[in-house]
Amino acid sequence: MFEGIKESVFAEQLRMVLEAYHEANRKLDQIQDEVRERENLARILLAALKLQRGDVEMEILFDRFQLGRLVRPFLDDTKTSSSKVIRRRGEERQVLTHNKHAVTVSDALARGTAVRMRSGSYAGYKGTVSSLQTHMGRRGPDVTYFLSLQGPKGDRKRTSVKSGTLNKSWEVINA
């Protein structure tokens, strides 16, 4: 197929390409090892921070130092994704999807925010957020708001609502 000199040129070029390939592959292995080492170190540091400060304070630190985007790949419980809930009624299977959303400190409503109740026993009542409490739920930080409400007839009530029911049973109003 090849004649004399052409075989040697082809063989030499093939050798150079294969050596370059093996060199690049060796460098890639080194980089992958370095990435694994840094990933392990990051996970160790995050675990230590979580043990020292707890989940909520850890989120506050991430927000304060703008580390949320950098840290997100290392945190398993704050990933947002769709999940499916399967409810069985007799032989019928009903699949409901909902969006997991971990509330961050920046998402939390401030005290004094005006709200209106949409449904429930306090439907039509208006008021403000008097305080809030943040705790770790199954899907990350969860906020409970304590509301001071005033009814259409002037009666005053207090109630608490979860952040997940925002825009369902209650809403923020611009007063």
N, C-alpha and C. Protein backbone atom coordinates (compact mmCIF):
# COMPACT_ATOMS: atom_id res chain seq x y z
N MET A 1 0.82 -1.19 0.00
CA MET A 1 0.00 0.00 0.00
C MET A 1 0.87 1.25 0.00
N PHE A 2 1.80 1.35 0.93
CA PHE A 2 2.69 2.50 0.96
C PHE A 2 4.00 2.12 0.27
N GLU A 3 4.58 3.10 -0.27
CA GLU A 3 5.86 2.85 -0.92
C GLU A 3 6.95 3.55 -0.13
N GLY A 4 7.99 2.85 0.20
CA GLY A 4 9.22 3.32 0.83
C GLY A 4 9.08 4.49 1.76
N ILE A 5 9.30 5.68 1.26
CA ILE A 5 9.40 6.89 2.07
C ILE A 5 8.05 7.29 2.66
N LYS A 6 6.97 7.01 1.98
CA LYS A 6 5.65 7.39 2.48
C LYS A 6 5.34 6.64 3.77
N GLU A 7 5.72 5.37 3.89
CA GLU A 7 5.47 4.60 5.11
C GLU A 7 6.18 5.20 6.31
N SER A 8 7.41 5.63 6.12
CA SER A 8 8.16 6.21 7.25
C SER A 8 7.57 7.55 7.68
N VAL A 9 7.11 8.37 6.75
CA VAL A 9 6.48 9.66 7.09
C VAL A 9 5.17 9.42 7.84
N PHE A 10 4.37 8.50 7.32
CA PHE A 10 3.11 8.15 7.97
C PHE A 10 3.35 7.61 9.37
N ALA A 11 4.29 6.70 9.51
CA ALA A 11 4.59 6.10 10.81
C ALA A 11 5.09 7.15 11.79
N GLU A 12 5.91 8.09 11.33
CA GLU A 12 6.43 9.15 12.22
C GLU A 12 5.31 10.08 12.67
N GLN A 13 4.40 10.45 11.77
CA GLN A 13 3.28 11.32 12.14
C GLN A 13 2.34 10.59 13.11
N LEU A 14 2.10 9.31 12.85
CA LEU A 14 1.26 8.53 13.75
C LEU A 14 1.88 8.45 15.14
N ARG A 15 3.21 8.27 15.21
CA ARG A 15 3.91 8.23 16.49
C ARG A 15 3.74 9.56 17.23
N MET A 16 3.90 10.69 16.54
CA MET A 16 3.78 12.01 17.18
C MET A 16 2.36 12.23 17.71
N VAL A 17 1.35 11.84 16.92
CA VAL A 17 -0.03 12.02 17.35
C VAL A 17 -0.33 11.14 18.56
N LEU A 18 0.12 9.88 18.54
CA LEU A 18 -0.12 8.98 19.66
C LEU A 18 0.61 9.43 20.92
N GLU A 19 1.83 9.92 20.79
CA GLU A 19 2.57 10.44 21.95
C GLU A 19 1.88 11.68 22.52
N ALA A 20 1.39 12.57 21.64
CA ALA A 20 0.66 13.76 22.10
C ALA A 20 -0.62 13.35 22.82
N TYR A 21 -1.32 12.34 22.28
CA TYR A 21 -2.53 11.84 22.91
C TYR A 21 -2.24 11.31 24.31
N HIS A 22 -1.21 10.48 24.44
CA HIS A 22 -0.88 9.89 25.74
C HIS A 22 -0.43 10.96 26.73
N GLU A 23 0.29 11.97 26.26
CA GLU A 23 0.71 13.08 27.13
C GLU A 23 -0.52 13.86 27.62
N ALA A 24 -1.46 14.15 26.71
CA ALA A 24 -2.67 14.88 27.10
C ALA A 24 -3.51 14.04 28.06
N ASN A 25 -3.57 12.74 27.82
CA ASN A 25 -4.32 11.85 28.70
C ASN A 25 -3.69 11.80 30.09
N ARG A 26 -2.36 11.81 30.17
CA ARG A 26 -1.66 11.83 31.45
C ARG A 26 -1.97 13.13 32.21
N LYS A 27 -1.95 14.26 31.49
CA LYS A 27 -2.27 15.55 32.12
C LYS A 27 -3.72 15.58 32.60
N LEU A 28 -4.62 14.99 31.81
CA LEU A 28 -6.02 14.93 32.20
C LEU A 28 -6.19 14.12 33.48
N ASP A 29 -5.49 13.02 33.60
CA ASP A 29 -5.54 12.21 34.82
C ASP A 29 -5.05 13.01 36.02
N GLN A 30 -3.98 13.79 35.83
CA GLN A 30 -3.45 14.62 36.92
C GLN A 30 -4.48 15.67 37.33
N ILE A 31 -5.12 16.29 36.35
CA ILE A 31 -6.11 17.33 36.65
C ILE A 31 -7.31 16.72 37.36
N GLN A 32 -7.75 15.55 36.91
CA GLN A 32 -8.88 14.88 37.57
C GLN A 32 -8.54 14.51 39.01
N ASP A 33 -7.31 14.07 39.26
CA ASP A 33 -6.90 13.78 40.63
C ASP A 33 -6.91 15.04 41.48
N GLU A 34 -6.45 16.15 40.92
CA GLU A 34 -6.43 17.42 41.64
C GLU A 34 -7.86 17.88 41.95
N VAL A 35 -8.77 17.72 40.98
CA VAL A 35 -10.17 18.10 41.18
C VAL A 35 -10.78 17.26 42.31
N ARG A 36 -10.53 15.95 42.32
CA ARG A 36 -11.06 15.08 43.38
C ARG A 36 -10.52 15.49 44.75
N GLU A 37 -9.23 15.81 44.82
CA GLU A 37 -8.64 16.23 46.10
C GLU A 37 -9.29 17.52 46.59
N ARG A 38 -9.47 18.49 45.70
CA ARG A 38 -10.08 19.76 46.10
C ARG A 38 -11.55 19.59 46.47
N GLU A 39 -12.25 18.71 45.76
CA GLU A 39 -13.64 18.44 46.09
C GLU A 39 -13.74 17.81 47.47
N ASN A 40 -12.88 16.87 47.78
CA ASN A 40 -12.88 16.24 49.11
C ASN A 40 -12.58 17.25 50.20
N LEU A 41 -11.61 18.13 49.94
CA LEU A 41 -11.27 19.17 50.92
C LEU A 41 -12.45 20.11 51.14
N ALA A 42 -13.12 20.50 50.05
CA ALA A 42 -14.28 21.39 50.18
C ALA A 42 -15.38 20.71 50.99
N ARG A 43 -15.64 19.44 50.74
CA ARG A 43 -16.68 18.72 51.48
C ARG A 43 -16.32 18.61 52.97
N ILE A 44 -15.04 18.39 53.26
CA ILE A 44 -14.60 18.31 54.66
C ILE A 44 -14.79 19.64 55.35
N LEU A 45 -14.41 20.73 54.68
CA LEU A 45 -14.57 22.07 55.28
C LEU A 45 -16.04 22.41 55.48
N LEU A 46 -16.89 22.06 54.53
CA LEU A 46 -18.32 22.33 54.67
C LEU A 46 -18.93 21.50 55.81
N ALA A 47 -18.49 20.26 55.95
CA ALA A 47 -18.99 19.43 57.05
C ALA A 47 -18.57 20.01 58.40
N ALA A 48 -17.35 20.49 58.48
CA ALA A 48 -16.88 21.11 59.73
C ALA A 48 -17.68 22.37 60.04
N LEU A 49 -17.95 23.19 59.02
CA LEU A 49 -18.74 24.40 59.21
C LEU A 49 -20.16 24.06 59.64
N LYS A 50 -20.72 23.03 59.05
CA LYS A 50 -22.08 22.61 59.40
C LYS A 50 -22.16 22.14 60.85
N LEU A 51 -21.13 21.40 61.29
CA LEU A 51 -21.11 20.95 62.68
C LEU A 51 -20.94 22.11 63.65
N GLN A 52 -20.11 23.09 63.28
CA GLN A 52 -19.86 24.23 64.16
C GLN A 52 -21.04 25.18 64.22
N ARG A 53 -21.61 25.54 63.06
CA ARG A 53 -22.61 26.60 62.99
C ARG A 53 -24.04 26.13 62.81
N GLY A 54 -24.25 24.98 62.22
CA GLY A 54 -25.60 24.53 61.90
C GLY A 54 -25.99 24.98 60.50
N ASP A 55 -27.06 24.41 60.00
CA ASP A 55 -27.47 24.66 58.62
C ASP A 55 -27.90 26.10 58.37
N VAL A 56 -28.69 26.66 59.27
CA VAL A 56 -29.23 28.00 59.04
C VAL A 56 -28.12 29.04 59.06
N GLU A 57 -27.25 28.99 60.06
CA GLU A 57 -26.14 29.96 60.12
C GLU A 57 -25.19 29.76 58.95
N MET A 58 -25.04 28.53 58.49
CA MET A 58 -24.19 28.26 57.34
C MET A 58 -24.77 28.96 56.11
N GLU A 59 -26.09 28.90 55.91
CA GLU A 59 -26.74 29.60 54.80
C GLU A 59 -26.56 31.11 54.92
N ILE A 60 -26.65 31.62 56.15
CA ILE A 60 -26.46 33.06 56.37
C ILE A 60 -25.05 33.47 55.97
N LEU A 61 -24.05 32.68 56.36
CA LEU A 61 -22.67 32.97 55.96
C LEU A 61 -22.49 32.93 54.45
N PHE A 62 -23.10 31.96 53.80
CA PHE A 62 -23.00 31.87 52.34
C PHE A 62 -23.60 33.09 51.68
N ASP A 63 -24.74 33.56 52.21
CA ASP A 63 -25.36 34.76 51.65
C ASP A 63 -24.49 35.98 51.90
N ARG A 64 -23.94 36.09 53.11
CA ARG A 64 -23.14 37.25 53.47
C ARG A 64 -21.88 37.36 52.60
N PHE A 65 -21.23 36.23 52.35
CA PHE A 65 -19.99 36.24 51.58
C PHE A 65 -20.19 35.86 50.11
N GLN A 66 -21.44 35.80 49.67
CA GLN A 66 -21.80 35.51 48.29
C GLN A 66 -21.14 34.23 47.78
N LEU A 67 -21.30 33.16 48.56
CA LEU A 67 -20.72 31.87 48.21
C LEU A 67 -21.76 30.87 47.72
N GLY A 68 -23.02 31.28 47.65
CA GLY A 68 -24.10 30.36 47.31
C GLY A 68 -23.87 29.62 46.01
N ARG A 69 -23.49 30.33 44.96
CA ARG A 69 -23.29 29.71 43.65
C ARG A 69 -22.11 28.76 43.67
N LEU A 70 -21.06 29.10 44.40
CA LEU A 70 -19.86 28.27 44.45
C LEU A 70 -20.07 27.02 45.30
N VAL A 71 -20.88 27.13 46.34
CA VAL A 71 -21.07 26.04 47.29
C VAL A 71 -22.15 25.06 46.85
N ARG A 72 -23.11 25.54 46.06
CA ARG A 72 -24.28 24.74 45.70
C ARG A 72 -23.96 23.32 45.20
N PRO A 73 -22.94 23.09 44.36
CA PRO A 73 -22.67 21.72 43.91
C PRO A 73 -22.26 20.76 45.04
N PHE A 74 -21.80 21.29 46.15
CA PHE A 74 -21.32 20.45 47.24
C PHE A 74 -22.38 20.15 48.29
N LEU A 75 -23.52 20.83 48.21
CA LEU A 75 -24.58 20.66 49.19
C LEU A 75 -25.68 19.81 48.59
N ASP A 76 -25.92 18.65 49.15
CA ASP A 76 -26.93 17.74 48.62
C ASP A 76 -28.34 18.19 48.95
N ASP A 77 -28.56 18.74 50.15
CA ASP A 77 -29.92 19.04 50.59
C ASP A 77 -30.45 20.36 50.07
N THR A 78 -29.67 21.21 49.39
CA THR A 78 -30.19 22.48 48.90
C THR A 78 -30.39 22.50 47.40
N LYS A 79 -30.18 21.36 46.76
CA LYS A 79 -30.41 21.31 45.32
C LYS A 79 -31.90 21.42 45.08
N THR A 80 -32.29 22.22 44.12
CA THR A 80 -33.69 22.33 43.79
C THR A 80 -33.97 21.43 42.60
N SER A 81 -35.00 20.62 42.73
CA SER A 81 -35.37 19.72 41.65
C SER A 81 -36.82 19.33 41.83
N SER A 82 -37.38 18.76 40.81
CA SER A 82 -38.75 18.28 40.90
C SER A 82 -38.75 16.91 41.54
N SER A 83 -39.75 16.65 42.32
CA SER A 83 -39.90 15.32 42.89
C SER A 83 -41.33 14.88 42.67
N LYS A 84 -41.57 13.61 42.80
CA LYS A 84 -42.91 13.07 42.59
C LYS A 84 -43.42 12.45 43.88
N VAL A 85 -44.66 12.76 44.19
CA VAL A 85 -45.33 12.17 45.33
C VAL A 85 -46.40 11.26 44.76
N ILE A 86 -46.39 10.02 45.18
CA ILE A 86 -47.36 9.06 44.67
C ILE A 86 -48.36 8.77 45.76
N ARG A 87 -49.63 9.01 45.48
CA ARG A 87 -50.70 8.71 46.41
C ARG A 87 -51.50 7.58 45.81
N ARG A 88 -51.83 6.60 46.63
CA ARG A 88 -52.59 5.46 46.14
C ARG A 88 -53.99 5.49 46.75
N ARG A 89 -54.97 5.44 45.91
CA ARG A 89 -56.37 5.35 46.35
C ARG A 89 -56.96 4.12 45.67
N GLY A 90 -57.08 3.06 46.42
CA GLY A 90 -57.56 1.82 45.82
C GLY A 90 -56.57 1.34 44.77
N GLU A 91 -57.03 1.17 43.55
CA GLU A 91 -56.14 0.74 42.48
C GLU A 91 -55.60 1.91 41.69
N GLU A 92 -56.16 3.07 41.91
CA GLU A 92 -55.78 4.26 41.16
C GLU A 92 -54.50 4.85 41.75
N ARG A 93 -53.56 5.22 40.88
CA ARG A 93 -52.33 5.88 41.33
C ARG A 93 -52.34 7.31 40.83
N GLN A 94 -52.17 8.23 41.72
CA GLN A 94 -52.17 9.62 41.36
C GLN A 94 -50.76 10.16 41.59
N VAL A 95 -50.17 10.75 40.57
CA VAL A 95 -48.81 11.27 40.69
C VAL A 95 -48.88 12.79 40.70
N LEU A 96 -48.37 13.37 41.76
CA LEU A 96 -48.33 14.82 41.89
C LEU A 96 -46.89 15.27 41.85
N THR A 97 -46.61 16.32 41.13
CA THR A 97 -45.25 16.85 41.12
C THR A 97 -45.26 18.20 41.82
N HIS A 98 -44.20 18.46 42.49
CA HIS A 98 -44.04 19.77 43.11
C HIS A 98 -42.57 20.13 43.06
N ASN A 99 -42.28 21.39 43.24
CA ASN A 99 -40.92 21.89 43.15
C ASN A 99 -40.34 22.01 44.54
N LYS A 100 -39.21 21.37 44.78
CA LYS A 100 -38.52 21.55 46.06
C LYS A 100 -37.89 22.94 46.03
N HIS A 101 -38.10 23.70 47.08
CA HIS A 101 -37.50 25.03 47.13
C HIS A 101 -37.05 25.30 48.55
N ALA A 102 -35.77 25.34 48.76
CA ALA A 102 -35.23 25.66 50.07
C ALA A 102 -35.24 27.17 50.23
N VAL A 103 -35.84 27.65 51.28
CA VAL A 103 -35.92 29.09 51.52
C VAL A 103 -34.57 29.58 52.01
N THR A 104 -34.04 30.58 51.36
CA THR A 104 -32.79 31.18 51.82
C THR A 104 -33.11 32.42 52.62
N VAL A 105 -32.12 32.93 53.31
CA VAL A 105 -32.31 34.11 54.15
C VAL A 105 -32.75 35.30 53.31
N SER A 106 -32.23 35.40 52.09
CA SER A 106 -32.60 36.52 51.23
C SER A 106 -34.05 36.44 50.77
N ASP A 107 -34.65 35.23 50.76
CA ASP A 107 -36.04 35.05 50.36
C ASP A 107 -37.01 35.41 51.48
N ALA A 108 -36.57 35.40 52.72
CA ALA A 108 -37.45 35.61 53.86
C ALA A 108 -38.00 37.03 53.85
N LEU A 109 -39.27 37.16 54.23
CA LEU A 109 -39.91 38.46 54.30
C LEU A 109 -39.47 39.18 55.58
N ALA A 110 -39.37 40.49 55.50
CA ALA A 110 -38.96 41.29 56.65
C ALA A 110 -40.14 41.53 57.58
N ARG A 111 -39.86 41.84 58.83
CA ARG A 111 -40.91 42.23 59.77
C ARG A 111 -41.58 43.48 59.24
N GLY A 112 -42.88 43.56 59.46
CA GLY A 112 -43.63 44.73 59.02
C GLY A 112 -44.14 44.62 57.59
N THR A 113 -43.84 43.54 56.89
CA THR A 113 -44.35 43.36 55.53
C THR A 113 -45.86 43.19 55.57
N ALA A 114 -46.57 43.93 54.73
CA ALA A 114 -48.03 43.86 54.69
C ALA A 114 -48.49 42.59 53.99
N VAL A 115 -49.47 41.92 54.58
CA VAL A 115 -49.98 40.66 54.03
C VAL A 115 -51.51 40.65 54.04
N ARG A 116 -52.09 39.77 53.23
CA ARG A 116 -53.54 39.57 53.18
C ARG A 116 -53.79 38.07 53.15
N MET A 117 -54.74 37.62 53.95
CA MET A 117 -55.12 36.21 53.97
C MET A 117 -56.11 35.96 52.84
N ARG A 118 -55.85 34.91 52.05
CA ARG A 118 -56.71 34.59 50.92
C ARG A 118 -57.79 33.57 51.27
N SER A 119 -57.45 32.62 52.12
CA SER A 119 -58.40 31.55 52.41
C SER A 119 -58.27 31.14 53.87
N GLY A 120 -59.13 30.24 54.29
CA GLY A 120 -59.11 29.77 55.66
C GLY A 120 -60.02 30.59 56.54
N SER A 121 -59.89 30.40 57.85
CA SER A 121 -60.78 31.10 58.78
C SER A 121 -60.48 32.60 58.86
N TYR A 122 -59.32 33.02 58.37
CA TYR A 122 -58.96 34.44 58.39
C TYR A 122 -59.00 35.06 56.99
N ALA A 123 -59.75 34.48 56.07
CA ALA A 123 -59.86 35.02 54.71
C ALA A 123 -60.37 36.46 54.77
N GLY A 124 -59.73 37.35 54.05
CA GLY A 124 -60.11 38.76 54.04
C GLY A 124 -59.39 39.60 55.08
N TYR A 125 -58.74 38.99 56.03
CA TYR A 125 -57.99 39.74 57.05
C TYR A 125 -56.71 40.29 56.43
N LYS A 126 -56.30 41.47 56.91
CA LYS A 126 -55.05 42.09 56.48
C LYS A 126 -54.20 42.32 57.72
N GLY A 127 -52.90 42.39 57.53
CA GLY A 127 -52.01 42.64 58.67
C GLY A 127 -50.57 42.72 58.25
N THR A 128 -49.69 42.43 59.22
CA THR A 128 -48.25 42.52 58.97
C THR A 128 -47.54 41.30 59.56
N VAL A 129 -46.33 41.09 59.07
CA VAL A 129 -45.47 40.06 59.64
C VAL A 129 -44.90 40.63 60.92
N SER A 130 -45.23 40.03 62.08
CA SER A 130 -44.73 40.55 63.34
C SER A 130 -43.41 39.91 63.73
N SER A 131 -43.21 38.65 63.36
CA SER A 131 -41.93 37.99 63.60
C SER A 131 -41.85 36.76 62.70
N LEU A 132 -40.68 36.17 62.69
CA LEU A 132 -40.50 34.96 61.90
C LEU A 132 -39.51 34.05 62.60
N GLN A 133 -39.62 32.77 62.29
CA GLN A 133 -38.75 31.78 62.89
C GLN A 133 -38.23 30.89 61.77
N THR A 134 -36.93 30.69 61.72
CA THR A 134 -36.32 29.85 60.71
C THR A 134 -35.81 28.59 61.37
N HIS A 135 -36.07 27.45 60.76
CA HIS A 135 -35.57 26.18 61.26
C HIS A 135 -35.30 25.26 60.08
N MET A 136 -34.57 24.19 60.35
CA MET A 136 -34.24 23.25 59.29
C MET A 136 -35.39 22.27 59.10
N GLY A 137 -35.90 22.24 57.89
CA GLY A 137 -36.93 21.27 57.52
C GLY A 137 -36.28 20.13 56.75
N ARG A 138 -37.13 19.27 56.19
CA ARG A 138 -36.60 18.14 55.43
C ARG A 138 -35.91 18.59 54.15
N ARG A 139 -36.31 19.72 53.61
CA ARG A 139 -35.76 20.19 52.34
C ARG A 139 -34.86 21.41 52.50
N GLY A 140 -34.37 21.66 53.69
CA GLY A 140 -33.50 22.81 53.92
C GLY A 140 -34.18 23.79 54.85
N PRO A 141 -33.67 25.03 54.91
CA PRO A 141 -34.24 26.03 55.80
C PRO A 141 -35.72 26.27 55.50
N ASP A 142 -36.53 26.36 56.54
CA ASP A 142 -37.95 26.61 56.41
C ASP A 142 -38.30 27.78 57.33
N VAL A 143 -39.21 28.64 56.88
CA VAL A 143 -39.56 29.83 57.65
C VAL A 143 -41.03 29.76 58.05
N THR A 144 -41.30 30.05 59.32
CA THR A 144 -42.66 30.21 59.81
C THR A 144 -42.85 31.67 60.14
N TYR A 145 -43.89 32.29 59.57
CA TYR A 145 -44.18 33.70 59.82
C TYR A 145 -45.30 33.81 60.83
N PHE A 146 -45.16 34.75 61.77
CA PHE A 146 -46.19 35.04 62.75
C PHE A 146 -46.82 36.37 62.35
N LEU A 147 -48.12 36.33 62.10
CA LEU A 147 -48.82 37.49 61.56
C LEU A 147 -49.75 38.11 62.59
N SER A 148 -49.79 39.44 62.61
CA SER A 148 -50.78 40.20 63.38
C SER A 148 -51.81 40.69 62.37
N LEU A 149 -53.04 40.23 62.51
CA LEU A 149 -54.07 40.50 61.51
C LEU A 149 -55.19 41.34 62.08
N GLN A 150 -55.87 42.06 61.17
CA GLN A 150 -57.05 42.83 61.53
C GLN A 150 -58.14 42.47 60.54
N GLY A 151 -59.32 42.11 61.06
CA GLY A 151 -60.42 41.68 60.22
C GLY A 151 -61.19 42.83 59.62
N PRO A 152 -62.11 42.53 58.72
CA PRO A 152 -62.93 43.57 58.08
C PRO A 152 -63.78 44.35 59.09
N LYS A 153 -64.10 43.72 60.23
CA LYS A 153 -64.91 44.38 61.26
C LYS A 153 -64.05 45.02 62.34
N GLY A 154 -62.74 44.98 62.17
CA GLY A 154 -61.84 45.61 63.13
C GLY A 154 -61.29 44.68 64.20
N ASP A 155 -61.72 43.43 64.22
CA ASP A 155 -61.22 42.50 65.23
C ASP A 155 -59.78 42.10 64.91
N ARG A 156 -58.99 41.89 65.96
CA ARG A 156 -57.58 41.56 65.79
C ARG A 156 -57.32 40.10 66.14
N LYS A 157 -56.47 39.48 65.32
CA LYS A 157 -56.10 38.08 65.53
C LYS A 157 -54.62 37.90 65.24
N ARG A 158 -54.08 36.82 65.81
CA ARG A 158 -52.69 36.44 65.51
C ARG A 158 -52.70 35.01 64.99
N THR A 159 -51.86 34.74 64.00
CA THR A 159 -51.75 33.39 63.46
C THR A 159 -50.34 33.18 62.92
N SER A 160 -50.02 31.93 62.63
CA SER A 160 -48.73 31.62 62.02
C SER A 160 -48.98 30.90 60.70
N VAL A 161 -48.09 31.15 59.73
CA VAL A 161 -48.19 30.52 58.41
C VAL A 161 -46.80 30.08 57.98
N LYS A 162 -46.75 29.01 57.19
CA LYS A 162 -45.48 28.52 56.65
C LYS A 162 -45.16 29.26 55.37
N SER A 163 -43.87 29.37 55.06
CA SER A 163 -43.44 30.06 53.85
C SER A 163 -43.94 29.35 52.60
N GLY A 164 -44.15 28.04 52.66
CA GLY A 164 -44.60 27.29 51.50
C GLY A 164 -46.02 27.60 51.08
N THR A 165 -46.81 28.22 51.96
CA THR A 165 -48.19 28.54 51.62
C THR A 165 -48.34 29.95 51.06
N LEU A 166 -47.23 30.67 50.89
CA LEU A 166 -47.25 32.02 50.32
C LEU A 166 -47.85 31.96 48.92
N ASN A 167 -48.73 32.90 48.63
CA ASN A 167 -49.48 33.00 47.36
C ASN A 167 -50.47 31.86 47.17
N LYS A 168 -50.71 31.08 48.21
CA LYS A 168 -51.77 30.06 48.17
C LYS A 168 -52.85 30.48 49.14
N SER A 169 -52.55 30.43 50.44
CA SER A 169 -53.55 30.82 51.43
C SER A 169 -53.34 32.25 51.93
N TRP A 170 -52.19 32.83 51.62
CA TRP A 170 -51.93 34.22 52.00
C TRP A 170 -50.99 34.85 50.98
N GLU A 171 -50.95 36.18 50.94
CA GLU A 171 -50.13 36.88 49.95
C GLU A 171 -49.57 38.17 50.53
N VAL A 172 -48.50 38.63 49.91
CA VAL A 172 -47.89 39.91 50.28
C VAL A 172 -48.60 40.99 49.49
N ILE A 173 -48.94 42.09 50.16
CA ILE A 173 -49.60 43.20 49.46
C ILE A 173 -48.71 44.43 49.55
N ASN A 174 -48.81 45.26 48.57
CA ASN A 174 -48.05 46.52 48.56
C ASN A 174 -48.92 47.58 49.18
N ALA A 175 -48.59 47.97 50.41
CA ALA A 175 -49.41 48.95 51.13
C ALA A 175 -48.81 50.33 51.04
